[in-house]
Amino acid sequence: QVQLVESGGGLVQPGGSLRLSCAASGSFFKDYTIGWFRQAPGKEREAVSCISSSDGSTYYADSVKGRFTISKDSAKNTVYLQMNSLKPEDTAAYYCAADDGRIPDTTTVQPICSPVGMDYWGQGTLVVVPS
């Protein structure tokens, strides 16, 4: 069993930066995919960024490419999401999630970053970027 705990959300002005952290406790049985998803009020949960434990490959949603960076510190069992140049449309609850056994897509060589089928979820952390 794995538990995920997010931190680092808050209120930030447009153009500012935040770093989200996701601390994982417990052990994964296999190679896994871990990443960040967000849900804005009235909208569906969407993928933001994921990283694969097997090869370190990453996925970014088009809306955050060039602004967000995902990284993983295996020694600390922590995944980070560095968010720069934040925009009001980035306002959402951000969730960390992981899927034990999910390996990268062999065609795209990217993690399969979908909220569907994720085994573990954190409680979420709120990011607010006022307009």
Foldseek 3Di string as FASTA:
>chain_A
DKAWAKDWADEDEAQAKIKMKIFIDDDFPAWKKKAKWWDDPPGDIGGAKIATPVPRAMDGDPVQPPFWDWDADVVRNMIMIIGGRDDQVVWTWMKMFMARPFAPDPVVNYGPGDPPPTDYIYPTDTHGHDD
